[in-house]
PDB file of all heavy atoms in Angstrom:
ATOM      1  N   ARG A   1      -9.253   5.217   3.432  1.00  0.00           N
ATOM      2  CA  ARG A   1      -8.784   4.017   4.136  1.00  0.00           C
ATOM      3  C   ARG A   1      -9.937   3.029   4.364  1.00  0.00           C
ATOM      4  O   ARG A   1      -9.777   1.826   4.203  1.00  0.00           O
ATOM      5  CB  ARG A   1      -8.132   4.388   5.447  1.00  0.00           C
ATOM      6  CG  ARG A   1      -6.881   5.218   5.235  1.00  0.00           C
ATOM      7  CD  ARG A   1      -5.808   4.886   6.236  1.00  0.00           C
ATOM      8  NE  ARG A   1      -4.697   5.812   6.101  1.00  0.00           N
ATOM      9  CZ  ARG A   1      -3.618   5.556   5.372  1.00  0.00           C
ATOM     10  NH1 ARG A   1      -3.513   4.433   4.722  1.00  0.00           N
ATOM     11  NH2 ARG A   1      -2.644   6.435   5.298  1.00  0.00           N
ATOM     12  N   GLU A   2     -11.109   3.548   4.721  1.00  0.00           N
ATOM     13  CA  GLU A   2     -12.281   2.690   4.941  1.00  0.00           C
ATOM     14  C   GLU A   2     -12.718   2.012   3.641  1.00  0.00           C
ATOM     15  O   GLU A   2     -13.053   0.828   3.638  1.00  0.00           O
ATOM     16  CB  GLU A   2     -13.429   3.511   5.516  1.00  0.00           C
ATOM     17  CG  GLU A   2     -13.174   4.011   6.915  1.00  0.00           C
ATOM     18  CD  GLU A   2     -14.140   5.097   7.366  1.00  0.00           C
ATOM     19  OE1 GLU A   2     -15.106   5.413   6.626  1.00  0.00           O
ATOM     20  OE2 GLU A   2     -13.930   5.648   8.455  1.00  0.00           O
ATOM     21  N   THR A   3     -12.698   2.769   2.558  1.00  0.00           N
ATOM     22  CA  THR A   3     -13.089   2.209   1.262  1.00  0.00           C
ATOM     23  C   THR A   3     -12.121   1.116   0.839  1.00  0.00           C
ATOM     24  O   THR A   3     -12.533   0.031   0.421  1.00  0.00           O
ATOM     25  CB  THR A   3     -13.148   3.321   0.186  1.00  0.00           C
ATOM     26  OG1 THR A   3     -14.105   4.306   0.600  1.00  0.00           O
ATOM     27  CG2 THR A   3     -13.522   2.767  -1.171  1.00  0.00           C
ATOM     28  N   CYS A   4     -10.834   1.381   0.963  1.00  0.00           N
ATOM     29  CA  CYS A   4      -9.829   0.387   0.573  1.00  0.00           C
ATOM     30  C   CYS A   4      -9.905  -0.858   1.462  1.00  0.00           C
ATOM     31  O   CYS A   4      -9.752  -1.978   0.969  1.00  0.00           O
ATOM     32  CB  CYS A   4      -8.428   0.980   0.650  1.00  0.00           C
ATOM     33  SG  CYS A   4      -8.091   2.224  -0.624  1.00  0.00           S
ATOM     34  N   ALA A   5     -10.149  -0.669   2.736  1.00  0.00           N
ATOM     35  CA  ALA A   5     -10.192  -1.804   3.664  1.00  0.00           C
ATOM     36  C   ALA A   5     -11.288  -2.794   3.301  1.00  0.00           C
ATOM     37  O   ALA A   5     -11.125  -3.996   3.480  1.00  0.00           O
ATOM     38  CB  ALA A   5     -10.382  -1.303   5.097  1.00  0.00           C
ATOM     39  N   GLY A   6     -12.390  -2.298   2.758  1.00  0.00           N
ATOM     40  CA  GLY A   6     -13.497  -3.176   2.410  1.00  0.00           C
ATOM     41  C   GLY A   6     -13.572  -3.516   0.930  1.00  0.00           C
ATOM     42  O   GLY A   6     -14.561  -4.089   0.480  1.00  0.00           O
ATOM     43  N   CYS A   7     -12.547  -3.198   0.186  1.00  0.00           N
ATOM     44  CA  CYS A   7     -12.581  -3.381  -1.260  1.00  0.00           C
ATOM     45  C   CYS A   7     -12.281  -4.827  -1.668  1.00  0.00           C
ATOM     46  O   CYS A   7     -11.301  -5.411  -1.206  1.00  0.00           O
ATOM     47  CB  CYS A   7     -11.556  -2.457  -1.914  1.00  0.00           C
ATOM     48  SG  CYS A   7     -11.582  -2.544  -3.721  1.00  0.00           S
ATOM     49  N   PRO A   8     -13.103  -5.396  -2.558  1.00  0.00           N
ATOM     50  CA  PRO A   8     -12.871  -6.767  -2.992  1.00  0.00           C
ATOM     51  C   PRO A   8     -11.636  -6.935  -3.878  1.00  0.00           C
ATOM     52  O   PRO A   8     -11.158  -8.052  -4.060  1.00  0.00           O
ATOM     53  CB  PRO A   8     -14.145  -7.130  -3.763  1.00  0.00           C
ATOM     54  CG  PRO A   8     -14.710  -5.833  -4.212  1.00  0.00           C
ATOM     55  CD  PRO A   8     -14.313  -4.836  -3.156  1.00  0.00           C
ATOM     56  N   VAL A   9     -11.097  -5.839  -4.413  1.00  0.00           N
ATOM     57  CA  VAL A   9      -9.903  -5.931  -5.259  1.00  0.00           C
ATOM     58  C   VAL A   9      -8.718  -5.188  -4.646  1.00  0.00           C
ATOM     59  O   VAL A   9      -7.797  -4.764  -5.341  1.00  0.00           O
ATOM     60  CB  VAL A   9     -10.184  -5.433  -6.700  1.00  0.00           C
ATOM     61  CG1 VAL A   9     -11.161  -6.359  -7.407  1.00  0.00           C
ATOM     62  CG2 VAL A   9     -10.685  -4.007  -6.703  1.00  0.00           C
ATOM     63  N   GLN A  10      -8.723  -5.049  -3.331  1.00  0.00           N
ATOM     64  CA  GLN A  10      -7.651  -4.329  -2.638  1.00  0.00           C
ATOM     65  C   GLN A  10      -6.274  -4.906  -2.970  1.00  0.00           C
ATOM     66  O   GLN A  10      -5.346  -4.159  -3.263  1.00  0.00           O
ATOM     67  CB  GLN A  10      -7.866  -4.356  -1.131  1.00  0.00           C
ATOM     68  CG  GLN A  10      -6.756  -3.651  -0.378  1.00  0.00           C
ATOM     69  CD  GLN A  10      -6.870  -3.826   1.126  1.00  0.00           C
ATOM     70  OE1 GLN A  10      -7.504  -4.753   1.613  1.00  0.00           O
ATOM     71  NE2 GLN A  10      -6.248  -2.933   1.855  1.00  0.00           N
ATOM     72  N   GLN A  11      -6.128  -6.205  -2.932  1.00  0.00           N
ATOM     73  CA  GLN A  11      -4.826  -6.821  -3.186  1.00  0.00           C
ATOM     74  C   GLN A  11      -4.357  -6.584  -4.621  1.00  0.00           C
ATOM     75  O   GLN A  11      -3.174  -6.317  -4.844  1.00  0.00           O
ATOM     76  CB  GLN A  11      -4.865  -8.315  -2.868  1.00  0.00           C
ATOM     77  CG  GLN A  11      -5.017  -8.602  -1.391  1.00  0.00           C
ATOM     78  CD  GLN A  11      -3.909  -7.991  -0.559  1.00  0.00           C
ATOM     79  OE1 GLN A  11      -2.722  -8.182  -0.841  1.00  0.00           O
ATOM     80  NE2 GLN A  11      -4.272  -7.245   0.464  1.00  0.00           N
ATOM     81  N   GLU A  12      -5.259  -6.657  -5.577  1.00  0.00           N
ATOM     82  CA  GLU A  12      -4.899  -6.395  -6.968  1.00  0.00           C
ATOM     83  C   GLU A  12      -4.416  -4.961  -7.145  1.00  0.00           C
ATOM     84  O   GLU A  12      -3.447  -4.698  -7.846  1.00  0.00           O
ATOM     85  CB  GLU A  12      -6.077  -6.665  -7.916  1.00  0.00           C
ATOM     86  CG  GLU A  12      -6.418  -8.126  -8.054  1.00  0.00           C
ATOM     87  CD  GLU A  12      -7.473  -8.593  -7.055  1.00  0.00           C
ATOM     88  OE1 GLU A  12      -7.609  -8.004  -5.962  1.00  0.00           O
ATOM     89  OE2 GLU A  12      -8.168  -9.568  -7.385  1.00  0.00           O
ATOM     90  N   ARG A  13      -5.109  -4.048  -6.484  1.00  0.00           N
ATOM     91  CA  ARG A  13      -4.746  -2.628  -6.585  1.00  0.00           C
ATOM     92  C   ARG A  13      -3.404  -2.369  -5.920  1.00  0.00           C
ATOM     93  O   ARG A  13      -2.590  -1.611  -6.435  1.00  0.00           O
ATOM     94  CB  ARG A  13      -5.844  -1.771  -5.957  1.00  0.00           C
ATOM     95  CG  ARG A  13      -5.689  -0.318  -6.240  1.00  0.00           C
ATOM     96  CD  ARG A  13      -5.775  -0.058  -7.738  1.00  0.00           C
ATOM     97  NE  ARG A  13      -5.791   1.375  -7.953  1.00  0.00           N
ATOM     98  CZ  ARG A  13      -5.240   1.960  -8.996  1.00  0.00           C
ATOM     99  NH1 ARG A  13      -4.632   1.269  -9.915  1.00  0.00           N
ATOM    100  NH2 ARG A  13      -5.298   3.254  -9.137  1.00  0.00           N
ATOM    101  N   LEU A  14      -3.156  -3.005  -4.777  1.00  0.00           N
ATOM    102  CA  LEU A  14      -1.867  -2.859  -4.110  1.00  0.00           C
ATOM    103  C   LEU A  14      -0.760  -3.427  -4.987  1.00  0.00           C
ATOM    104  O   LEU A  14       0.297  -2.799  -5.147  1.00  0.00           O
ATOM    105  CB  LEU A  14      -1.878  -3.546  -2.743  1.00  0.00           C
ATOM    106  CG  LEU A  14      -0.559  -3.511  -1.971  1.00  0.00           C
ATOM    107  CD1 LEU A  14      -0.070  -2.083  -1.755  1.00  0.00           C
ATOM    108  CD2 LEU A  14      -0.723  -4.234  -0.644  1.00  0.00           C
ATOM    109  N   LYS A  15      -0.975  -4.584  -5.563  1.00  0.00           N
ATOM    110  CA  LYS A  15       0.028  -5.184  -6.456  1.00  0.00           C
ATOM    111  C   LYS A  15       0.337  -4.256  -7.623  1.00  0.00           C
ATOM    112  O   LYS A  15       1.489  -4.128  -8.032  1.00  0.00           O
ATOM    113  CB  LYS A  15      -0.459  -6.535  -6.980  1.00  0.00           C
ATOM    114  CG  LYS A  15      -0.423  -7.620  -5.945  1.00  0.00           C
ATOM    115  CD  LYS A  15      -0.963  -8.919  -6.519  1.00  0.00           C
ATOM    116  CE  LYS A  15      -1.141  -9.959  -5.428  1.00  0.00           C
ATOM    117  NZ  LYS A  15      -1.773 -11.188  -5.947  1.00  0.00           N
ATOM    118  N   TYR A  16      -0.686  -3.600  -8.152  1.00  0.00           N
ATOM    119  CA  TYR A  16      -0.469  -2.648  -9.241  1.00  0.00           C
ATOM    120  C   TYR A  16       0.423  -1.502  -8.766  1.00  0.00           C
ATOM    121  O   TYR A  16       1.394  -1.145  -9.431  1.00  0.00           O
ATOM    122  CB  TYR A  16      -1.802  -2.106  -9.759  1.00  0.00           C
ATOM    123  CG  TYR A  16      -1.621  -1.007 -10.774  1.00  0.00           C
ATOM    124  CD1 TYR A  16      -1.302  -1.312 -12.090  1.00  0.00           C
ATOM    125  CD2 TYR A  16      -1.755   0.332 -10.408  1.00  0.00           C
ATOM    126  CE1 TYR A  16      -1.118  -0.300 -13.023  1.00  0.00           C
ATOM    127  CE2 TYR A  16      -1.572   1.340 -11.334  1.00  0.00           C
ATOM    128  CZ  TYR A  16      -1.249   1.018 -12.640  1.00  0.00           C
ATOM    129  OH  TYR A  16      -1.058   2.028 -13.559  1.00  0.00           O
ATOM    130  N   GLY A  17       0.105  -0.923  -7.629  1.00  0.00           N
ATOM    131  CA  GLY A  17       0.906   0.175  -7.082  1.00  0.00           C
ATOM    132  C   GLY A  17       2.344  -0.237  -6.836  1.00  0.00           C
ATOM    133  O   GLY A  17       3.280   0.520  -7.095  1.00  0.00           O
ATOM    134  N   LEU A  18       2.546  -1.447  -6.348  1.00  0.00           N
ATOM    135  CA  LEU A  18       3.897  -1.959  -6.102  1.00  0.00           C
ATOM    136  C   LEU A  18       4.635  -2.226  -7.410  1.00  0.00           C
ATOM    137  O   LEU A  18       5.810  -1.895  -7.550  1.00  0.00           O
ATOM    138  CB  LEU A  18       3.837  -3.234  -5.267  1.00  0.00           C
ATOM    139  CG  LEU A  18       3.384  -3.065  -3.819  1.00  0.00           C
ATOM    140  CD1 LEU A  18       3.098  -4.425  -3.198  1.00  0.00           C
ATOM    141  CD2 LEU A  18       4.418  -2.300  -3.005  1.00  0.00           C
ATOM    142  N   SER A  19       3.953  -2.811  -8.377  1.00  0.00           N
ATOM    143  CA  SER A  19       4.607  -3.171  -9.642  1.00  0.00           C
ATOM    144  C   SER A  19       5.012  -1.947 -10.455  1.00  0.00           C
ATOM    145  O   SER A  19       5.960  -2.005 -11.235  1.00  0.00           O
ATOM    146  CB  SER A  19       3.713  -4.073 -10.480  1.00  0.00           C
ATOM    147  OG  SER A  19       2.615  -3.358 -11.002  1.00  0.00           O
ATOM    148  N   GLN A  20       4.319  -0.849 -10.271  1.00  0.00           N
ATOM    149  CA  GLN A  20       4.612   0.375 -11.019  1.00  0.00           C
ATOM    150  C   GLN A  20       5.563   1.305 -10.269  1.00  0.00           C
ATOM    151  O   GLN A  20       5.942   2.343 -10.795  1.00  0.00           O
ATOM    152  CB  GLN A  20       3.309   1.128 -11.330  1.00  0.00           C
ATOM    153  CG  GLN A  20       2.320   0.326 -12.140  1.00  0.00           C
ATOM    154  CD  GLN A  20       2.858  -0.060 -13.486  1.00  0.00           C
ATOM    155  OE1 GLN A  20       3.348   0.774 -14.230  1.00  0.00           O
ATOM    156  NE2 GLN A  20       2.784  -1.343 -13.816  1.00  0.00           N
ATOM    157  N   SER A  21       5.934   0.942  -9.041  1.00  0.00           N
ATOM    158  CA  SER A  21       6.787   1.789  -8.187  1.00  0.00           C
ATOM    159  C   SER A  21       6.244   3.220  -8.108  1.00  0.00           C
ATOM    160  O   SER A  21       6.991   4.186  -8.193  1.00  0.00           O
ATOM    161  CB  SER A  21       8.233   1.792  -8.675  1.00  0.00           C
ATOM    162  OG  SER A  21       8.779   0.507  -8.592  1.00  0.00           O
ATOM    163  N   LEU A  22       4.946   3.331  -7.945  1.00  0.00           N
ATOM    164  CA  LEU A  22       4.301   4.640  -7.880  1.00  0.00           C
ATOM    165  C   LEU A  22       4.616   5.307  -6.548  1.00  0.00           C
ATOM    166  O   LEU A  22       4.493   4.696  -5.495  1.00  0.00           O
ATOM    167  CB  LEU A  22       2.795   4.481  -8.067  1.00  0.00           C
ATOM    168  CG  LEU A  22       2.388   3.870  -9.407  1.00  0.00           C
ATOM    169  CD1 LEU A  22       0.915   3.495  -9.390  1.00  0.00           C
ATOM    170  CD2 LEU A  22       2.695   4.821 -10.542  1.00  0.00           C
ATOM    171  N   GLN A  23       5.029   6.554  -6.593  1.00  0.00           N
ATOM    172  CA  GLN A  23       5.420   7.286  -5.396  1.00  0.00           C
ATOM    173  C   GLN A  23       4.274   8.082  -4.790  1.00  0.00           C
ATOM    174  O   GLN A  23       4.330   8.434  -3.619  1.00  0.00           O
ATOM    175  CB  GLN A  23       6.580   8.232  -5.712  1.00  0.00           C
ATOM    176  CG  GLN A  23       7.833   7.508  -6.125  1.00  0.00           C
ATOM    177  CD  GLN A  23       8.371   6.639  -5.015  1.00  0.00           C
ATOM    178  OE1 GLN A  23       8.523   7.098  -3.890  1.00  0.00           O
ATOM    179  NE2 GLN A  23       8.649   5.391  -5.309  1.00  0.00           N
ATOM    180  N   ILE A  24       3.278   8.398  -5.575  1.00  0.00           N
ATOM    181  CA  ILE A  24       2.173   9.202  -5.068  1.00  0.00           C
ATOM    182  C   ILE A  24       0.886   8.409  -5.146  1.00  0.00           C
ATOM    183  O   ILE A  24       0.775   7.453  -5.908  1.00  0.00           O
ATOM    184  CB  ILE A  24       2.024  10.533  -5.824  1.00  0.00           C
ATOM    185  CG1 ILE A  24       1.744  10.284  -7.305  1.00  0.00           C
ATOM    186  CG2 ILE A  24       3.246  11.417  -5.639  1.00  0.00           C
ATOM    187  CD1 ILE A  24       1.335  11.507  -8.072  1.00  0.00           C
ATOM    188  N   GLY A  25      -0.068   8.793  -4.351  1.00  0.00           N
ATOM    189  CA  GLY A  25      -1.379   8.175  -4.386  1.00  0.00           C
ATOM    190  C   GLY A  25      -1.518   6.997  -3.435  1.00  0.00           C
ATOM    191  O   GLY A  25      -0.535   6.434  -2.964  1.00  0.00           O
ATOM    192  N   ILE A  26      -2.762   6.673  -3.158  1.00  0.00           N
ATOM    193  CA  ILE A  26      -3.108   5.545  -2.302  1.00  0.00           C
ATOM    194  C   ILE A  26      -3.521   4.402  -3.209  1.00  0.00           C
ATOM    195  O   ILE A  26      -4.427   4.544  -4.032  1.00  0.00           O
ATOM    196  CB  ILE A  26      -4.266   5.915  -1.346  1.00  0.00           C
ATOM    197  CG1 ILE A  26      -3.932   7.182  -0.549  1.00  0.00           C
ATOM    198  CG2 ILE A  26      -4.615   4.742  -0.435  1.00  0.00           C
ATOM    199  CD1 ILE A  26      -2.665   7.092   0.278  1.00  0.00           C
ATOM    200  N   PHE A  27      -2.849   3.289  -3.081  1.00  0.00           N
ATOM    201  CA  PHE A  27      -3.147   2.095  -3.867  1.00  0.00           C
ATOM    202  C   PHE A  27      -3.299   0.938  -2.902  1.00  0.00           C
ATOM    203  O   PHE A  27      -2.381   0.644  -2.133  1.00  0.00           O
ATOM    204  CB  PHE A  27      -2.038   1.803  -4.885  1.00  0.00           C
ATOM    205  CG  PHE A  27      -1.963   2.836  -5.970  1.00  0.00           C
ATOM    206  CD1 PHE A  27      -1.172   3.962  -5.818  1.00  0.00           C
ATOM    207  CD2 PHE A  27      -2.704   2.695  -7.123  1.00  0.00           C
ATOM    208  CE1 PHE A  27      -1.113   4.923  -6.802  1.00  0.00           C
ATOM    209  CE2 PHE A  27      -2.658   3.661  -8.121  1.00  0.00           C
ATOM    210  CZ  PHE A  27      -1.856   4.771  -7.960  1.00  0.00           C
ATOM    211  N   GLY A  28      -4.450   0.289  -2.922  1.00  0.00           N
ATOM    212  CA  GLY A  28      -4.687  -0.822  -2.016  1.00  0.00           C
ATOM    213  C   GLY A  28      -4.658  -0.404  -0.560  1.00  0.00           C
ATOM    214  O   GLY A  28      -4.361  -1.191   0.322  1.00  0.00           O
ATOM    215  N   GLY A  29      -4.942   0.872  -0.299  1.00  0.00           N
ATOM    216  CA  GLY A  29      -4.978   1.375   1.066  1.00  0.00           C
ATOM    217  C   GLY A  29      -3.627   1.823   1.600  1.00  0.00           C
ATOM    218  O   GLY A  29      -3.520   2.201   2.760  1.00  0.00           O
ATOM    219  N   MET A  30      -2.581   1.795   0.772  1.00  0.00           N
ATOM    220  CA  MET A  30      -1.241   2.161   1.235  1.00  0.00           C
ATOM    221  C   MET A  30      -0.692   3.364   0.482  1.00  0.00           C
ATOM    222  O   MET A  30      -0.869   3.489  -0.728  1.00  0.00           O
ATOM    223  CB  MET A  30      -0.280   0.998   1.069  1.00  0.00           C
ATOM    224  CG  MET A  30      -0.607  -0.178   1.931  1.00  0.00           C
ATOM    225  SD  MET A  30       0.729  -1.366   1.846  1.00  0.00           S
ATOM    226  CE  MET A  30       0.637  -1.993   3.500  1.00  0.00           C
TER     227      MET A  30
END
């Protein structure tokens, strides 16, 4: 959570997780 919170590409990673409908794993801190 700390790493994701300070990540410069957090939003891109979250968008990837959302676009792929991934059920497992932490993407963009979520």
